[in-house]
Amino acid sequence: MAELKLARLPDRTPVKLGINVMPDLHQDLVDYAAHYALAYGAEVQITELIPAMLASFIESDRGFLRSRGPRP
């Protein structure tokens, strides 16, 4: 079979996590979602924002990225 320019897609199956947060963090998330709606004109559930927030945090943590090294 011929090689394709596009590499094989990584596993994109979502993994469901259940977490508990303190009431003050929950309120911060609710407030953040309200500010998001004002900024972008679209309401989103906090459950939709949390994965993006976590990904943004990890992508900005240079110390973690250096210690982890390149991903396969």
PDB file of N, CA and C in Angstrom:
ATOM      1  N   MET A   1       0.844  -1.183   0.000  1.00  0.00           N
ATOM      2  CA  MET A   1       0.000   0.000   0.000  1.00  0.00           C
ATOM      3  C   MET A   1       0.889   1.247   0.000  1.00  0.00           C
ATOM      4  N   ALA A   2       0.491   2.246  -0.707  1.00  0.00           N
ATOM      5  CA  ALA A   2       1.266   3.486  -0.811  1.00  0.00           C
ATOM      6  C   ALA A   2       1.253   4.252   0.514  1.00  0.00           C
ATOM      7  N   GLU A   3       2.377   4.937   0.796  1.00  0.00           N
ATOM      8  CA  GLU A   3       2.434   5.768   1.992  1.00  0.00           C
ATOM      9  C   GLU A   3       1.608   7.017   1.775  1.00  0.00           C
ATOM     10  N   LEU A   4       0.929   7.440   2.808  1.00  0.00           N
ATOM     11  CA  LEU A   4       0.133   8.653   2.742  1.00  0.00           C
ATOM     12  C   LEU A   4       0.888   9.790   3.403  1.00  0.00           C
ATOM     13  N   LYS A   5       0.650  10.989   2.941  1.00  0.00           N
ATOM     14  CA  LYS A   5       1.272  12.167   3.551  1.00  0.00           C
ATOM     15  C   LYS A   5       0.717  12.381   4.958  1.00  0.00           C
ATOM     16  N   LEU A   6      -0.556  12.081   5.155  1.00  0.00           N
ATOM     17  CA  LEU A   6      -1.193  12.236   6.462  1.00  0.00           C
ATOM     18  C   LEU A   6      -0.872  11.021   7.321  1.00  0.00           C
ATOM     19  N   ALA A   7      -0.300  11.282   8.497  1.00  0.00           N
ATOM     20  CA  ALA A   7       0.010  10.184   9.417  1.00  0.00           C
ATOM     21  C   ALA A   7      -1.282   9.624  10.008  1.00  0.00           C
ATOM     22  N   ARG A   8      -1.162   8.423  10.545  1.00  0.00           N
ATOM     23  CA  ARG A   8      -2.312   7.802  11.191  1.00  0.00           C
ATOM     24  C   ARG A   8      -2.815   8.701  12.315  1.00  0.00           C
ATOM     25  N   LEU A   9      -4.115   8.865  12.404  1.00  0.00           N
ATOM     26  CA  LEU A   9      -4.701   9.725  13.428  1.00  0.00           C
ATOM     27  C   LEU A   9      -4.522   9.112  14.808  1.00  0.00           C
ATOM     28  N   PRO A  10      -4.254   9.934  15.816  1.00  0.00           N
ATOM     29  CA  PRO A  10      -4.117   9.409  17.174  1.00  0.00           C
ATOM     30  C   PRO A  10      -5.481   8.986  17.716  1.00  0.00           C
ATOM     31  N   ASP A  11      -5.456   8.232  18.798  1.00  0.00           N
ATOM     32  CA  ASP A  11      -6.703   7.823  19.445  1.00  0.00           C
ATOM     33  C   ASP A  11      -7.442   9.076  19.907  1.00  0.00           C
ATOM     34  N   ARG A  12      -8.656   9.234  19.455  1.00  0.00           N
ATOM     35  CA  ARG A  12      -9.446  10.411  19.813  1.00  0.00           C
ATOM     36  C   ARG A  12     -10.691  10.028  20.599  1.00  0.00           C
ATOM     37  N   THR A  13     -10.657   8.861  21.219  1.00  0.00           N
ATOM     38  CA  THR A  13     -11.781   8.420  22.023  1.00  0.00           C
ATOM     39  C   THR A  13     -11.774   9.184  23.345  1.00  0.00           C
ATOM     40  N   PRO A  14     -12.826   9.931  23.642  1.00  0.00           N
ATOM     41  CA  PRO A  14     -12.849  10.688  24.890  1.00  0.00           C
ATOM     42  C   PRO A  14     -12.810   9.759  26.105  1.00  0.00           C
ATOM     43  N   VAL A  15     -12.190  10.246  27.155  1.00  0.00           N
ATOM     44  CA  VAL A  15     -12.132   9.533  28.421  1.00  0.00           C
ATOM     45  C   VAL A  15     -12.953  10.334  29.416  1.00  0.00           C
ATOM     46  N   LYS A  16     -13.964   9.704  29.985  1.00  0.00           N
ATOM     47  CA  LYS A  16     -14.834  10.407  30.924  1.00  0.00           C
ATOM     48  C   LYS A  16     -14.201  10.392  32.308  1.00  0.00           C
ATOM     49  N   LEU A  17     -14.112  11.587  32.912  1.00  0.00           N
ATOM     50  CA  LEU A  17     -13.596  11.738  34.264  1.00  0.00           C
ATOM     51  C   LEU A  17     -14.681  12.337  35.141  1.00  0.00           C
ATOM     52  N   GLY A  18     -14.723  11.906  36.368  1.00  0.00           N
ATOM     53  CA  GLY A  18     -15.627  12.513  37.337  1.00  0.00           C
ATOM     54  C   GLY A  18     -14.792  13.188  38.407  1.00  0.00           C
ATOM     55  N   ILE A  19     -15.051  14.463  38.672  1.00  0.00           N
ATOM     56  CA  ILE A  19     -14.282  15.182  39.684  1.00  0.00           C
ATOM     57  C   ILE A  19     -15.226  15.903  40.637  1.00  0.00           C
ATOM     58  N   ASN A  20     -14.721  16.162  41.805  1.00  0.00           N
ATOM     59  CA  ASN A  20     -15.427  17.000  42.774  1.00  0.00           C
ATOM     60  C   ASN A  20     -14.609  18.259  42.959  1.00  0.00           C
ATOM     61  N   VAL A  21     -15.282  19.395  43.007  1.00  0.00           N
ATOM     62  CA  VAL A  21     -14.598  20.664  43.234  1.00  0.00           C
ATOM     63  C   VAL A  21     -15.230  21.355  44.437  1.00  0.00           C
ATOM     64  N   MET A  22     -14.449  22.205  45.052  1.00  0.00           N
ATOM     65  CA  MET A  22     -14.933  22.972  46.189  1.00  0.00           C
ATOM     66  C   MET A  22     -15.929  24.026  45.686  1.00  0.00           C
ATOM     67  N   PRO A  23     -16.855  24.438  46.555  1.00  0.00           N
ATOM     68  CA  PRO A  23     -17.867  25.416  46.137  1.00  0.00           C
ATOM     69  C   PRO A  23     -17.283  26.702  45.562  1.00  0.00           C
ATOM     70  N   ASP A  24     -16.164  27.187  46.102  1.00  0.00           N
ATOM     71  CA  ASP A  24     -15.590  28.432  45.580  1.00  0.00           C
ATOM     72  C   ASP A  24     -15.043  28.245  44.160  1.00  0.00           C
ATOM     73  N   LEU A  25     -14.441  27.094  43.875  1.00  0.00           N
ATOM     74  CA  LEU A  25     -13.981  26.824  42.514  1.00  0.00           C
ATOM     75  C   LEU A  25     -15.167  26.674  41.576  1.00  0.00           C
ATOM     76  N   HIS A  26     -16.220  26.023  42.029  1.00  0.00           N
ATOM     77  CA  HIS A  26     -17.420  25.889  41.194  1.00  0.00           C
ATOM     78  C   HIS A  26     -17.964  27.266  40.827  1.00  0.00           C
ATOM     79  N   GLN A  27     -18.009  28.167  41.806  1.00  0.00           N
ATOM     80  CA  GLN A  27     -18.503  29.519  41.529  1.00  0.00           C
ATOM     81  C   GLN A  27     -17.592  30.241  40.541  1.00  0.00           C
ATOM     82  N   ASP A  28     -16.273  30.058  40.686  1.00  0.00           N
ATOM     83  CA  ASP A  28     -15.339  30.658  39.729  1.00  0.00           C
ATOM     84  C   ASP A  28     -15.594  30.132  38.320  1.00  0.00           C
ATOM     85  N   LEU A  29     -15.862  28.854  38.193  1.00  0.00           N
ATOM     86  CA  LEU A  29     -16.144  28.269  36.880  1.00  0.00           C
ATOM     87  C   LEU A  29     -17.447  28.818  36.294  1.00  0.00           C
ATOM     88  N   VAL A  30     -18.447  28.951  37.131  1.00  0.00           N
ATOM     89  CA  VAL A  30     -19.721  29.533  36.686  1.00  0.00           C
ATOM     90  C   VAL A  30     -19.495  30.976  36.223  1.00  0.00           C
ATOM     91  N   ASP A  31     -18.733  31.738  37.012  1.00  0.00           N
ATOM     92  CA  ASP A  31     -18.426  33.128  36.647  1.00  0.00           C
ATOM     93  C   ASP A  31     -17.633  33.193  35.344  1.00  0.00           C
ATOM     94  N   TYR A  32     -16.670  32.283  35.196  1.00  0.00           N
ATOM     95  CA  TYR A  32     -15.861  32.248  33.979  1.00  0.00           C
ATOM     96  C   TYR A  32     -16.757  31.976  32.766  1.00  0.00           C
ATOM     97  N   ALA A  33     -17.671  31.029  32.910  1.00  0.00           N
ATOM     98  CA  ALA A  33     -18.588  30.717  31.805  1.00  0.00           C
ATOM     99  C   ALA A  33     -19.431  31.932  31.442  1.00  0.00           C
ATOM    100  N   ALA A  34     -19.832  32.709  32.440  1.00  0.00           N
ATOM    101  CA  ALA A  34     -20.614  33.927  32.174  1.00  0.00           C
ATOM    102  C   ALA A  34     -19.766  34.946  31.418  1.00  0.00           C
ATOM    103  N   HIS A  35     -18.516  35.120  31.821  1.00  0.00           N
ATOM    104  CA  HIS A  35     -17.622  36.037  31.112  1.00  0.00           C
ATOM    105  C   HIS A  35     -17.338  35.546  29.701  1.00  0.00           C
ATOM    106  N   TYR A  36     -17.203  34.255  29.536  1.00  0.00           N
ATOM    107  CA  TYR A  36     -16.998  33.660  28.212  1.00  0.00           C
ATOM    108  C   TYR A  36     -18.191  34.009  27.308  1.00  0.00           C
ATOM    109  N   ALA A  37     -19.393  33.861  27.846  1.00  0.00           N
ATOM    110  CA  ALA A  37     -20.598  34.166  27.064  1.00  0.00           C
ATOM    111  C   ALA A  37     -20.626  35.634  26.647  1.00  0.00           C
ATOM    112  N   LEU A  38     -20.214  36.524  27.547  1.00  0.00           N
ATOM    113  CA  LEU A  38     -20.171  37.949  27.208  1.00  0.00           C
ATOM    114  C   LEU A  38     -19.106  38.227  26.149  1.00  0.00           C
ATOM    115  N   ALA A  39     -17.964  37.595  26.283  1.00  0.00           N
ATOM    116  CA  ALA A  39     -16.852  37.843  25.357  1.00  0.00           C
ATOM    117  C   ALA A  39     -17.123  37.290  23.966  1.00  0.00           C
ATOM    118  N   TYR A  40     -17.743  36.109  23.898  1.00  0.00           N
ATOM    119  CA  TYR A  40     -17.894  35.430  22.609  1.00  0.00           C
ATOM    120  C   TYR A  40     -19.337  35.320  22.116  1.00  0.00           C
ATOM    121  N   GLY A  41     -20.288  35.779  22.919  1.00  0.00           N
ATOM    122  CA  GLY A  41     -21.676  35.757  22.485  1.00  0.00           C
ATOM    123  C   GLY A  41     -22.276  34.365  22.380  1.00  0.00           C
ATOM    124  N   ALA A  42     -21.698  33.417  23.102  1.00  0.00           N
ATOM    125  CA  ALA A  42     -22.204  32.043  23.077  1.00  0.00           C
ATOM    126  C   ALA A  42     -22.083  31.455  24.475  1.00  0.00           C
ATOM    127  N   GLU A  43     -23.185  30.925  24.970  1.00  0.00           N
ATOM    128  CA  GLU A  43     -23.151  30.284  26.278  1.00  0.00           C
ATOM    129  C   GLU A  43     -22.609  28.866  26.137  1.00  0.00           C
ATOM    130  N   VAL A  44     -21.744  28.500  27.071  1.00  0.00           N
ATOM    131  CA  VAL A  44     -21.183  27.153  27.096  1.00  0.00           C
ATOM    132  C   VAL A  44     -21.254  26.632  28.524  1.00  0.00           C
ATOM    133  N   GLN A  45     -21.470  25.349  28.635  1.00  0.00           N
ATOM    134  CA  GLN A  45     -21.495  24.717  29.949  1.00  0.00           C
ATOM    135  C   GLN A  45     -20.070  24.638  30.491  1.00  0.00           C
ATOM    136  N   ILE A  46     -19.954  24.692  31.821  1.00  0.00           N
ATOM    137  CA  ILE A  46     -18.614  24.601  32.402  1.00  0.00           C
ATOM    138  C   ILE A  46     -17.970  23.256  32.079  1.00  0.00           C
ATOM    139  N   THR A  47     -18.784  22.235  31.892  1.00  0.00           N
ATOM    140  CA  THR A  47     -18.227  20.918  31.539  1.00  0.00           C
ATOM    141  C   THR A  47     -17.565  20.936  30.162  1.00  0.00           C
ATOM    142  N   GLU A  48     -17.940  21.888  29.316  1.00  0.00           N
ATOM    143  CA  GLU A  48     -17.301  22.035  28.015  1.00  0.00           C
ATOM    144  C   GLU A  48     -16.049  22.895  28.114  1.00  0.00           C
ATOM    145  N   LEU A  49     -16.031  23.812  29.067  1.00  0.00           N
ATOM    146  CA  LEU A  49     -14.882  24.695  29.233  1.00  0.00           C
ATOM    147  C   LEU A  49     -13.713  24.018  29.937  1.00  0.00           C
ATOM    148  N   ILE A  50     -13.992  23.162  30.892  1.00  0.00           N
ATOM    149  CA  ILE A  50     -12.936  22.575  31.719  1.00  0.00           C
ATOM    150  C   ILE A  50     -11.879  21.851  30.897  1.00  0.00           C
ATOM    151  N   PRO A  51     -12.225  20.983  29.938  1.00  0.00           N
ATOM    152  CA  PRO A  51     -11.169  20.330  29.156  1.00  0.00           C
ATOM    153  C   PRO A  51     -10.274  21.332  28.419  1.00  0.00           C
ATOM    154  N   ALA A  52     -10.865  22.381  27.862  1.00  0.00           N
ATOM    155  CA  ALA A  52     -10.070  23.391  27.155  1.00  0.00           C
ATOM    156  C   ALA A  52      -9.174  24.150  28.130  1.00  0.00           C
ATOM    157  N   MET A  53      -9.685  24.425  29.327  1.00  0.00           N
ATOM    158  CA  MET A  53      -8.895  25.123  30.335  1.00  0.00           C
ATOM    159  C   MET A  53      -7.706  24.264  30.775  1.00  0.00           C
ATOM    160  N   LEU A  54      -7.948  22.986  31.001  1.00  0.00           N
ATOM    161  CA  LEU A  54      -6.868  22.089  31.413  1.00  0.00           C
ATOM    162  C   LEU A  54      -5.817  21.944  30.318  1.00  0.00           C
ATOM    163  N   ALA A  55      -6.260  21.805  29.079  1.00  0.00           N
ATOM    164  CA  ALA A  55      -5.318  21.682  27.961  1.00  0.00           C
ATOM    165  C   ALA A  55      -4.473  22.948  27.838  1.00  0.00           C
ATOM    166  N   SER A  56      -5.108  24.114  27.973  1.00  0.00           N
ATOM    167  CA  SER A  56      -4.389  25.381  27.895  1.00  0.00           C
ATOM    168  C   SER A  56      -3.366  25.495  29.017  1.00  0.00           C
ATOM    169  N   PHE A  57      -3.744  25.074  30.207  1.00  0.00           N
ATOM    170  CA  PHE A  57      -2.831  25.117  31.347  1.00  0.00           C
ATOM    171  C   PHE A  57      -1.616  24.229  31.095  1.00  0.00           C
ATOM    172  N   ILE A  58      -1.849  23.007  30.667  1.00  0.00           N
ATOM    173  CA  ILE A  58      -0.736  22.065  30.443  1.00  0.00           C
ATOM    174  C   ILE A  58       0.160  22.554  29.311  1.00  0.00           C
ATOM    175  N   GLU A  59      -0.434  23.074  28.235  1.00  0.00           N
ATOM    176  CA  GLU A  59       0.358  23.559  27.104  1.00  0.00           C
ATOM    177  C   GLU A  59       1.200  24.770  27.475  1.00  0.00           C
ATOM    178  N   SER A  60       0.829  25.489  28.534  1.00  0.00           N
ATOM    179  CA  SER A  60       1.583  26.681  28.934  1.00  0.00           C
ATOM    180  C   SER A  60       2.590  26.390  30.042  1.00  0.00           C
ATOM    181  N   ASP A  61       2.617  25.173  30.559  1.00  0.00           N
ATOM    182  CA  ASP A  61       3.531  24.817  31.641  1.00  0.00           C
ATOM    183  C   ASP A  61       4.844  24.326  31.035  1.00  0.00           C
ATOM    184  N   ARG A  62       5.771  25.244  30.811  1.00  0.00           N
ATOM    185  CA  ARG A  62       7.030  24.924  30.137  1.00  0.00           C
ATOM    186  C   ARG A  62       7.862  23.920  30.924  1.00  0.00           C
ATOM    187  N   GLY A  63       7.869  24.024  32.245  1.00  0.00           N
ATOM    188  CA  GLY A  63       8.625  23.078  33.060  1.00  0.00           C
ATOM    189  C   GLY A  63       8.131  21.655  32.861  1.00  0.00           C
ATOM    190  N   PHE A  64       6.829  21.484  32.855  1.00  0.00           N
ATOM    191  CA  PHE A  64       6.259  20.152  32.629  1.00  0.00           C
ATOM    192  C   PHE A  64       6.607  19.648  31.233  1.00  0.00           C
ATOM    193  N   LEU A  65       6.450  20.506  30.240  1.00  0.00           N
ATOM    194  CA  LEU A  65       6.710  20.088  28.864  1.00  0.00           C
ATOM    195  C   LEU A  65       8.171  19.691  28.673  1.00  0.00           C
ATOM    196  N   ARG A  66       9.099  20.438  29.293  1.00  0.00           N
ATOM    197  CA  ARG A  66      10.516  20.083  29.200  1.00  0.00           C
ATOM    198  C   ARG A  66      10.788  18.748  29.879  1.00  0.00           C
ATOM    199  N   SER A  67      10.203  18.539  31.068  1.00  0.00           N
ATOM    200  CA  SER A  67      10.486  17.302  31.807  1.00  0.00           C
ATOM    201  C   SER A  67       9.850  16.092  31.143  1.00  0.00           C
ATOM    202  N   ARG A  68       8.739  16.287  30.470  1.00  0.00           N
ATOM    203  CA  ARG A  68       8.069  15.158  29.807  1.00  0.00           C
ATOM    204  C   ARG A  68       8.800  14.747  28.557  1.00  0.00           C
ATOM    205  N   GLY A  69       9.378  15.724  27.863  1.00  0.00           N
ATOM    206  CA  GLY A  69      10.060  15.423  26.618  1.00  0.00           C
ATOM    207  C   GLY A  69       9.089  15.315  25.463  1.00  0.00           C
ATOM    208  N   PRO A  70       9.593  14.987  24.298  1.00  0.00           N
ATOM    209  CA  PRO A  70       8.722  14.913  23.117  1.00  0.00           C
ATOM    210  C   PRO A  70       7.737  13.750  23.224  1.00  0.00           C
ATOM    211  N   ARG A  71       6.568  13.969  22.693  1.00  0.00           N
ATOM    212  CA  ARG A  71       5.552  12.916  22.652  1.00  0.00           C
ATOM    213  C   ARG A  71       5.813  12.029  21.459  1.00  0.00           C
ATOM    214  N   PRO A  72       5.539  10.748  21.607  1.00  0.00           N
ATOM    215  CA  PRO A  72       5.741   9.839  20.461  1.00  0.00           C
ATOM    216  C   PRO A  72       4.745  10.090  19.345  1.00  0.00           C
TER     217      PRO A  72
END
